[in-house]
Amino acid sequence: MHETRPRWVVPMKPRSPDEPHRAATPLELLFDLVFVVAVARGAAALHHGIAEGHAAESLLSYSMVFFAIWWAWMTFTWFASTYDNDDIPYRLLVFVQMTGALIVASGIERAFLEHDLTITVIGYIVMRVAAVTNWLRAARSDPEHRPAALRYAAGVTAVQIAWVILLFLPPDLLVPVFFLLVLVESLIPVWAEIPSPTPWHPHHILERYGLFTILVLGETILSTSLAIQTVFNEGEMNSNLIGTFLGALMIVYAMWWLYFYQPVRHDLMSSLRVAFTWAYGHYFVFAATAAVGAGLAVVIDQLTHHAEISATAAGMAVAIPVAVYVFCLWILQEHPRVDNLFDTVLHPVTAALILLTPFVGQAVLLTGILLSALVVIRLVRHLE
């Protein structure tokens, strides 16, 4: 069992991937709470941008901001799955990473509205000083995986220097260079794992991703709460508001159920290729989940005449991220294990039908009904 009382300084040896009862630690849960703040700020900025009629610009900014949030969370999560020795230096370095994440969160509005990444880059510098220190500790204590640890330390340092250089480039180069650096960031783990793949704990990783999914679903729950409040504040039973409230409830419950209705098989994490696909694919799952909450807030604004867009456009703000969520779950969790045509097309067909809901009215309610139907069909198919 992993000790709950920290030790002063111990070698940073990899933990066994077969360790029984491996669960998320209180420190990891505290780390997640920092990122909930960042996700909330990103979703709020997306909500206001779409409501003001700037959907294209807002989606671009949201994709950039959410990558910064998700990448910091993901890289810590996989490192902790391998090397969490819970000594005092480790805890202090995680506190440093959390501080950097808070700095990133404080710069989200500026990054979103102005594409000014200065505060975000400063936050990443703080986080990566701690991250590189931990990788060097791992390299010193774990000879078997030293090549990978040193590659991580070198790659993270080099790309962070590139992010600093980005701040001094002409503004018209910011977006293309940003996505170029995103590609480089994404390739660092692939490159680092080649000489000596680091071990990770499948159950621990699956739990960590599941917990973060629940935390990101909080954005949708918050918007559902806003829908309830709006229904009661209106003073009269507006059918559109009531339909939005009921649909929002069905959406959040069905999104949770679709992700957790049966355990993910651990053999989905049986190789580096599958693990990378599964881990990176969750960028779209997490981003879409938070965007659903933003979209619900947009619909409420439109119904209460606080948005500058049409009902169809507001409905698309919900339908598109929900469809992305359903499609991505199909790729990551359903498609690898289905063996018949009906189950193969069920998720994609549902996603396509959801995309049509803004054009027939009551998009939120119809999306909730379609998601609920998908859950029921999955449950029936699972019981057969």
Protein backbone atom coordinates (compact mmCIF):
# COMPACT_ATOMS: atom_id res chain seq x y z
CA MET A 1 0.00 0.00 0.00
CA HIS A 2 1.10 3.55 -0.70
CA GLU A 3 1.86 5.43 2.51
CA THR A 4 -0.40 8.37 3.40
CA ARG A 5 2.26 10.07 5.55
CA PRO A 6 4.96 11.72 3.44
CA ARG A 7 8.61 10.83 3.84
CA TRP A 8 11.40 13.36 3.75
CA VAL A 9 13.38 12.38 0.65
CA VAL A 10 13.23 8.99 -1.07
CA PRO A 11 14.42 7.78 -4.47
CA MET A 12 11.92 8.46 -7.26
CA LYS A 13 11.46 4.88 -8.39
CA PRO A 14 8.59 3.91 -10.71
CA ARG A 15 5.56 2.48 -8.99
CA SER A 16 4.36 -0.94 -10.05
CA PRO A 17 1.71 -0.93 -12.78
CA ASP A 18 0.23 -3.97 -11.03
CA GLU A 19 -0.06 -2.28 -7.64
CA PRO A 20 -3.44 -3.27 -6.10
CA HIS A 21 -6.00 -0.69 -5.00
CA ARG A 22 -4.15 2.19 -6.70
CA ALA A 23 -6.38 5.22 -6.37
CA ALA A 24 -6.13 8.95 -6.89
CA THR A 25 -4.39 10.67 -4.00
CA PRO A 26 -5.71 13.71 -2.09
CA LEU A 27 -2.89 15.73 -3.66
CA GLU A 28 -4.03 14.75 -7.16
CA LEU A 29 -7.60 15.74 -6.30
CA LEU A 30 -6.39 19.11 -5.04
CA PHE A 31 -4.42 19.50 -8.26
CA ASP A 32 -7.63 18.84 -10.23
CA LEU A 33 -9.50 21.58 -8.37
CA VAL A 34 -7.01 24.14 -9.67
CA PHE A 35 -7.83 23.09 -13.20
CA VAL A 36 -11.56 23.29 -12.55
CA VAL A 37 -11.02 27.03 -12.09
CA ALA A 38 -9.19 27.23 -15.40
CA VAL A 39 -11.85 25.21 -17.24
CA ALA A 40 -14.59 27.40 -15.78
CA ARG A 41 -12.89 30.54 -17.03
CA GLY A 42 -12.38 29.10 -20.49
CA ALA A 43 -16.01 27.96 -20.72
CA ALA A 44 -17.27 31.34 -19.50
CA ALA A 45 -15.23 33.13 -22.17
CA LEU A 46 -16.60 30.77 -24.84
CA HIS A 47 -20.15 31.40 -23.61
CA HIS A 48 -19.85 35.18 -23.84
CA GLY A 49 -18.05 35.08 -27.18
CA ILE A 50 -20.74 32.95 -28.85
CA ALA A 51 -23.58 34.94 -27.26
CA GLU A 52 -22.09 38.14 -28.69
CA GLY A 53 -22.02 36.69 -32.19
CA HIS A 54 -18.30 35.85 -32.44
CA ALA A 55 -18.55 32.07 -32.69
CA ALA A 56 -15.65 31.41 -35.09
CA GLU A 57 -13.16 33.61 -33.23
CA SER A 58 -14.32 32.24 -29.88
CA LEU A 59 -13.93 28.61 -30.95
CA LEU A 60 -10.40 29.29 -32.15
CA SER A 61 -9.49 30.98 -28.87
CA TYR A 62 -11.20 28.22 -26.88
CA SER A 63 -9.28 25.47 -28.67
CA MET A 64 -6.01 27.24 -27.87
CA VAL A 65 -6.86 28.01 -24.25
CA PHE A 66 -8.22 24.55 -23.56
CA PHE A 67 -5.10 22.91 -24.94
CA ALA A 68 -3.01 24.88 -22.45
CA ILE A 69 -5.27 23.70 -19.61
CA TRP A 70 -5.56 20.08 -20.70
CA TRP A 71 -1.91 19.57 -21.59
CA ALA A 72 -0.70 20.75 -18.19
CA TRP A 73 -3.18 18.45 -16.46
CA MET A 74 -2.40 15.46 -18.65
CA THR A 75 1.38 15.61 -18.44
CA PHE A 76 1.24 15.79 -14.64
CA THR A 77 -1.29 12.95 -14.45
CA TRP A 78 0.83 10.49 -16.43
CA PHE A 79 4.01 11.43 -14.57
CA ALA A 80 2.25 10.92 -11.24
CA SER A 81 0.95 7.53 -12.33
CA THR A 82 4.56 6.40 -12.75
CA TYR A 83 6.63 8.32 -10.23
CA ASP A 84 4.43 9.55 -7.37
CA ASN A 85 6.70 8.69 -4.44
CA ASP A 86 4.85 11.14 -2.15
CA ASP A 87 7.93 12.42 -0.41
CA ILE A 88 8.10 16.02 0.76
CA PRO A 89 10.06 17.36 -2.26
CA TYR A 90 7.48 15.78 -4.57
CA ARG A 91 4.61 17.43 -2.71
CA LEU A 92 6.31 20.80 -2.74
CA LEU A 93 7.04 20.54 -6.45
CA VAL A 94 3.39 19.69 -7.11
CA PHE A 95 2.45 22.82 -5.16
CA VAL A 96 4.70 24.77 -7.52
CA GLN A 97 2.93 23.22 -10.51
CA MET A 98 -0.44 24.13 -9.01
CA THR A 99 0.74 27.70 -8.57
CA GLY A 100 1.75 27.81 -12.21
CA ALA A 101 -1.66 26.44 -13.19
CA LEU A 102 -3.35 29.23 -11.22
CA ILE A 103 -1.23 31.75 -13.10
CA VAL A 104 -2.35 30.14 -16.37
CA ALA A 105 -5.98 30.41 -15.22
CA SER A 106 -5.54 34.09 -14.44
CA GLY A 107 -4.36 34.73 -17.99
CA ILE A 108 -7.16 32.89 -19.78
CA GLU A 109 -9.33 35.96 -20.39
CA ARG A 110 -6.44 37.88 -21.96
CA ALA A 111 -5.41 34.86 -24.04
CA PHE A 112 -9.02 34.35 -25.15
CA LEU A 113 -9.88 37.92 -26.08
CA GLU A 114 -6.53 39.27 -27.25
CA HIS A 115 -4.49 36.14 -28.06
CA ASP A 116 -1.98 37.50 -25.55
CA LEU A 117 -0.23 34.43 -24.16
CA THR A 118 2.20 36.24 -21.86
CA ILE A 119 0.56 35.23 -18.58
CA THR A 120 -0.08 31.71 -19.87
CA VAL A 121 3.59 31.27 -20.80
CA ILE A 122 4.70 32.60 -17.41
CA GLY A 123 2.44 30.07 -15.72
CA TYR A 124 3.90 27.30 -17.85
CA ILE A 125 7.43 28.36 -16.94
CA VAL A 126 6.55 27.99 -13.25
CA MET A 127 4.94 24.60 -13.82
CA ARG A 128 7.78 23.30 -15.93
CA VAL A 129 10.53 24.25 -13.54
CA ALA A 130 8.88 21.78 -11.17
CA ALA A 131 8.13 19.21 -13.87
CA VAL A 132 11.69 19.15 -15.22
CA THR A 133 13.05 18.89 -11.67
CA ASN A 134 10.89 15.81 -11.13
CA TRP A 135 12.01 14.26 -14.41
CA LEU A 136 15.65 14.79 -13.42
CA ARG A 137 14.95 13.20 -10.04
CA ALA A 138 13.45 10.22 -11.88
CA ALA A 139 16.46 10.01 -14.20
CA ARG A 140 18.78 9.89 -11.20
CA SER A 141 16.82 7.23 -9.30
CA ASP A 142 15.60 5.01 -12.13
CA PRO A 143 18.44 3.81 -14.39
CA GLU A 144 16.15 1.55 -16.42
CA HIS A 145 14.01 4.47 -17.61
CA ARG A 146 16.70 7.15 -17.47
CA PRO A 147 16.79 7.66 -21.27
CA ALA A 148 13.07 8.44 -21.32
CA ALA A 149 13.27 10.71 -18.28
CA LEU A 150 16.16 12.69 -19.77
CA ARG A 151 14.34 13.01 -23.08
CA TYR A 152 11.29 14.36 -21.27
CA ALA A 153 13.42 16.88 -19.35
CA ALA A 154 15.25 18.01 -22.49
CA GLY A 155 12.16 18.11 -24.68
CA VAL A 156 10.07 20.06 -22.16
CA THR A 157 12.88 22.57 -21.62
CA ALA A 158 13.43 23.10 -25.34
CA VAL A 159 9.78 23.57 -26.21
CA GLN A 160 9.30 25.95 -23.28
CA ILE A 161 12.07 28.13 -24.69
CA ALA A 162 10.17 28.06 -28.00
CA TRP A 163 7.00 29.24 -26.23
CA VAL A 164 8.92 32.19 -24.79
CA ILE A 165 10.23 33.06 -28.27
CA LEU A 166 6.63 32.94 -29.53
CA LEU A 167 5.83 35.98 -27.38
CA PHE A 168 8.22 38.10 -29.45
CA LEU A 169 6.96 37.06 -32.89
CA PRO A 170 4.70 39.32 -35.01
CA PRO A 171 1.00 38.95 -34.05
CA ASP A 172 0.04 37.49 -37.43
CA LEU A 173 2.35 34.52 -36.78
CA LEU A 174 0.97 33.74 -33.33
CA VAL A 175 -1.82 31.34 -34.32
CA PRO A 176 0.10 29.23 -36.89
CA VAL A 177 3.20 29.02 -34.68
CA PHE A 178 0.98 28.17 -31.70
CA PHE A 179 -0.42 25.12 -33.46
CA LEU A 180 3.04 24.17 -34.69
CA LEU A 181 4.25 24.15 -31.08
CA VAL A 182 1.17 22.17 -30.09
CA LEU A 183 2.31 19.51 -32.56
CA VAL A 184 5.83 19.58 -31.10
CA GLU A 185 4.45 19.32 -27.57
CA SER A 186 2.36 16.32 -28.59
CA LEU A 187 5.37 14.55 -30.10
CA ILE A 188 7.63 14.93 -27.06
CA PRO A 189 6.06 12.02 -25.11
CA VAL A 190 6.07 9.85 -28.24
CA TRP A 191 9.78 10.59 -28.77
CA ALA A 192 10.65 10.21 -25.09
CA GLU A 193 8.97 6.83 -24.67
CA ILE A 194 10.83 5.18 -27.58
CA PRO A 195 14.06 4.10 -25.80
CA SER A 196 12.55 2.91 -22.50
CA PRO A 197 8.79 3.22 -22.09
CA THR A 198 7.83 4.32 -18.60
CA PRO A 199 5.29 2.13 -16.77
CA TRP A 200 1.89 3.52 -15.91
CA HIS A 201 -0.94 2.11 -13.83
CA PRO A 202 -3.96 1.44 -16.09
CA HIS A 203 -6.55 1.54 -13.32
CA HIS A 204 -5.08 4.73 -11.90
CA ILE A 205 -5.03 6.45 -15.31
CA LEU A 206 -8.60 5.41 -16.08
CA GLU A 207 -9.74 6.68 -12.70
CA ARG A 208 -7.93 9.99 -13.12
CA TYR A 209 -9.51 10.58 -16.52
CA GLY A 210 -12.91 9.60 -15.19
CA LEU A 211 -12.61 11.99 -12.27
CA PHE A 212 -11.62 14.84 -14.55
CA THR A 213 -14.58 14.05 -16.80
CA ILE A 214 -16.86 14.48 -13.77
CA LEU A 215 -15.19 17.75 -12.83
CA VAL A 216 -15.56 19.12 -16.35
CA LEU A 217 -19.21 18.01 -16.36
CA GLY A 218 -19.58 20.51 -13.53
CA GLU A 219 -19.74 23.23 -16.18
CA THR A 220 -22.84 21.61 -17.65
CA ILE A 221 -24.35 21.16 -14.19
CA LEU A 222 -23.74 24.85 -13.47
CA SER A 223 -25.57 25.82 -16.66
CA THR A 224 -28.42 23.44 -15.80
CA SER A 225 -28.71 25.16 -12.44
CA LEU A 226 -28.88 28.48 -14.27
CA ALA A 227 -31.70 27.11 -16.42
CA ILE A 228 -33.64 26.10 -13.30
CA GLN A 229 -33.11 29.53 -11.77
CA THR A 230 -34.24 31.24 -14.98
CA VAL A 231 -37.42 29.16 -15.17
CA PHE A 232 -38.44 30.24 -11.68
CA ASN A 233 -37.34 33.86 -12.12
CA GLU A 234 -39.41 34.29 -15.27
CA GLY A 235 -42.59 34.11 -13.22
CA GLU A 236 -44.47 32.22 -15.93
CA MET A 237 -44.04 28.76 -17.33
CA ASN A 238 -42.28 29.51 -20.62
CA SER A 239 -42.34 26.28 -22.61
CA ASN A 240 -38.98 26.98 -24.23
CA LEU A 241 -37.29 27.54 -20.88
CA ILE A 242 -38.92 24.46 -19.36
CA GLY A 243 -37.87 22.40 -22.38
CA THR A 244 -34.32 23.72 -22.07
CA PHE A 245 -34.25 22.83 -18.37
CA LEU A 246 -35.51 19.29 -18.97
CA GLY A 247 -33.19 18.82 -21.92
CA ALA A 248 -30.20 20.08 -19.94
CA LEU A 249 -30.94 17.58 -17.19
CA MET A 250 -31.12 14.72 -19.68
CA ILE A 251 -27.93 15.87 -21.39
CA VAL A 252 -25.79 16.00 -18.26
CA TYR A 253 -27.13 12.69 -16.91
CA ALA A 254 -26.75 10.94 -20.26
CA MET A 255 -23.24 12.29 -20.81
CA TRP A 256 -22.21 10.88 -17.44
CA TRP A 257 -23.91 7.57 -18.13
CA LEU A 258 -22.37 7.15 -21.56
CA TYR A 259 -18.89 7.62 -20.16
CA PHE A 260 -19.31 5.36 -17.12
CA TYR A 261 -22.07 2.90 -18.01
CA GLN A 262 -19.57 0.05 -18.13
CA PRO A 263 -15.93 -0.06 -17.11
CA VAL A 264 -13.35 0.63 -19.79
CA ARG A 265 -11.42 -2.55 -20.46
CA HIS A 266 -7.84 -2.29 -19.31
CA ASP A 267 -6.65 -3.95 -22.50
CA LEU A 268 -7.51 -0.69 -24.26
CA MET A 269 -4.36 0.57 -22.54
CA SER A 270 -2.24 -2.41 -23.53
CA SER A 271 0.18 -0.64 -25.89
CA LEU A 272 1.81 2.75 -26.34
CA ARG A 273 -0.07 3.39 -29.58
CA VAL A 274 -3.44 2.68 -28.00
CA ALA A 275 -2.53 4.59 -24.85
CA PHE A 276 -1.51 7.69 -26.81
CA THR A 277 -4.67 7.56 -28.93
CA TRP A 278 -6.84 7.19 -25.85
CA ALA A 279 -5.00 9.87 -23.85
CA TYR A 280 -4.79 12.47 -26.61
CA GLY A 281 -8.32 11.79 -27.81
CA HIS A 282 -9.63 12.93 -24.45
CA TYR A 283 -8.69 16.49 -25.36
CA PHE A 284 -11.82 16.51 -27.53
CA VAL A 285 -13.90 14.73 -24.87
CA PHE A 286 -12.96 17.23 -22.16
CA ALA A 287 -13.15 20.29 -24.41
CA ALA A 288 -16.56 19.24 -25.76
CA THR A 289 -17.87 18.54 -22.27
CA ALA A 290 -16.98 22.01 -21.02
CA ALA A 291 -18.30 23.55 -24.24
CA VAL A 292 -21.71 21.92 -23.66
CA GLY A 293 -22.00 23.93 -20.45
CA ALA A 294 -21.08 27.10 -22.33
CA GLY A 295 -23.61 26.26 -25.03
CA LEU A 296 -26.42 25.76 -22.53
CA ALA A 297 -25.63 29.18 -21.07
CA VAL A 298 -25.83 30.64 -24.59
CA VAL A 299 -29.27 29.07 -25.14
CA ILE A 300 -30.54 30.55 -21.88
CA ASP A 301 -29.18 33.97 -22.88
CA GLN A 302 -30.92 33.70 -26.24
CA LEU A 303 -34.25 32.69 -24.68
CA THR A 304 -34.08 35.60 -22.24
CA HIS A 305 -33.05 38.06 -24.99
CA HIS A 306 -29.51 38.56 -23.70
CA ALA A 307 -27.75 37.12 -26.76
CA GLU A 308 -27.18 38.60 -30.19
CA ILE A 309 -27.66 35.37 -32.12
CA SER A 310 -30.61 33.37 -33.46
CA ALA A 311 -32.25 30.40 -31.78
CA THR A 312 -30.72 28.13 -34.45
CA ALA A 313 -27.21 29.42 -33.75
CA ALA A 314 -27.75 29.05 -30.01
CA GLY A 315 -28.96 25.48 -30.51
CA MET A 316 -25.81 24.70 -32.50
CA ALA A 317 -23.74 25.87 -29.51
CA VAL A 318 -25.14 22.83 -27.68
CA ALA A 319 -25.62 20.35 -30.50
CA ILE A 320 -22.09 20.58 -31.92
CA PRO A 321 -20.15 19.86 -28.70
CA VAL A 322 -22.61 17.12 -27.70
CA ALA A 323 -22.16 15.48 -31.11
CA VAL A 324 -18.38 15.75 -30.77
CA TYR A 325 -18.60 14.15 -27.31
CA VAL A 326 -20.70 11.23 -28.59
CA PHE A 327 -18.49 10.68 -31.63
CA CYS A 328 -15.26 10.79 -29.60
CA LEU A 329 -16.59 8.30 -27.05
CA TRP A 330 -17.42 6.03 -29.96
CA ILE A 331 -13.84 6.22 -31.25
CA LEU A 332 -12.15 5.85 -27.87
CA GLN A 333 -14.40 3.43 -25.97
CA GLU A 334 -17.05 1.81 -28.14
CA HIS A 335 -15.56 1.15 -31.56
CA PRO A 336 -12.58 -0.95 -30.30
CA ARG A 337 -14.91 -3.54 -28.77
CA VAL A 338 -18.04 -3.73 -30.94
CA ASP A 339 -18.45 -6.63 -33.33
CA ASN A 340 -21.64 -5.89 -35.28
CA LEU A 341 -22.95 -3.24 -37.66
CA PHE A 342 -25.73 -1.93 -35.39
CA ASP A 343 -23.40 -1.12 -32.50
CA THR A 344 -20.79 0.22 -34.91
CA VAL A 345 -23.09 2.88 -36.38
CA LEU A 346 -25.18 3.67 -33.29
CA HIS A 347 -22.99 6.46 -31.92
CA PRO A 348 -22.20 8.12 -35.28
CA VAL A 349 -25.87 8.09 -36.30
CA THR A 350 -26.90 9.60 -32.96
CA ALA A 351 -24.24 12.30 -33.33
CA ALA A 352 -25.54 13.11 -36.84
CA LEU A 353 -29.15 13.36 -35.61
CA ILE A 354 -28.06 15.66 -32.78
CA LEU A 355 -26.50 18.01 -35.32
CA LEU A 356 -29.95 18.37 -36.94
CA THR A 357 -31.77 19.41 -33.76
CA PRO A 358 -31.09 23.18 -34.04
CA PHE A 359 -33.06 23.26 -37.30
CA VAL A 360 -36.29 21.78 -35.88
CA GLY A 361 -36.66 23.83 -32.68
CA GLN A 362 -36.12 22.94 -29.01
CA ALA A 363 -32.56 21.81 -29.75
CA VAL A 364 -31.65 21.24 -26.10
CA LEU A 365 -34.72 19.12 -25.36
CA LEU A 366 -34.34 17.03 -28.53
CA THR A 367 -30.61 16.56 -27.87
CA GLY A 368 -31.42 15.35 -24.36
CA ILE A 369 -34.01 12.91 -25.72
CA LEU A 370 -31.57 11.53 -28.32
CA LEU A 371 -28.82 11.10 -25.72
CA SER A 372 -31.23 9.40 -23.33
CA ALA A 373 -32.35 7.08 -26.12
CA LEU A 374 -28.72 6.21 -26.81
CA VAL A 375 -28.22 5.35 -23.14
CA VAL A 376 -31.32 3.13 -23.10
CA ILE A 377 -30.28 1.31 -26.27
CA ARG A 378 -26.78 0.77 -24.90
CA LEU A 379 -28.17 -0.61 -21.65
CA VAL A 380 -30.54 -2.97 -23.48
CA ARG A 381 -27.76 -4.13 -25.81
CA HIS A 382 -25.45 -4.67 -22.84
CA LEU A 383 -28.04 -6.81 -21.02
CA GLU A 384 -28.74 -9.04 -24.03
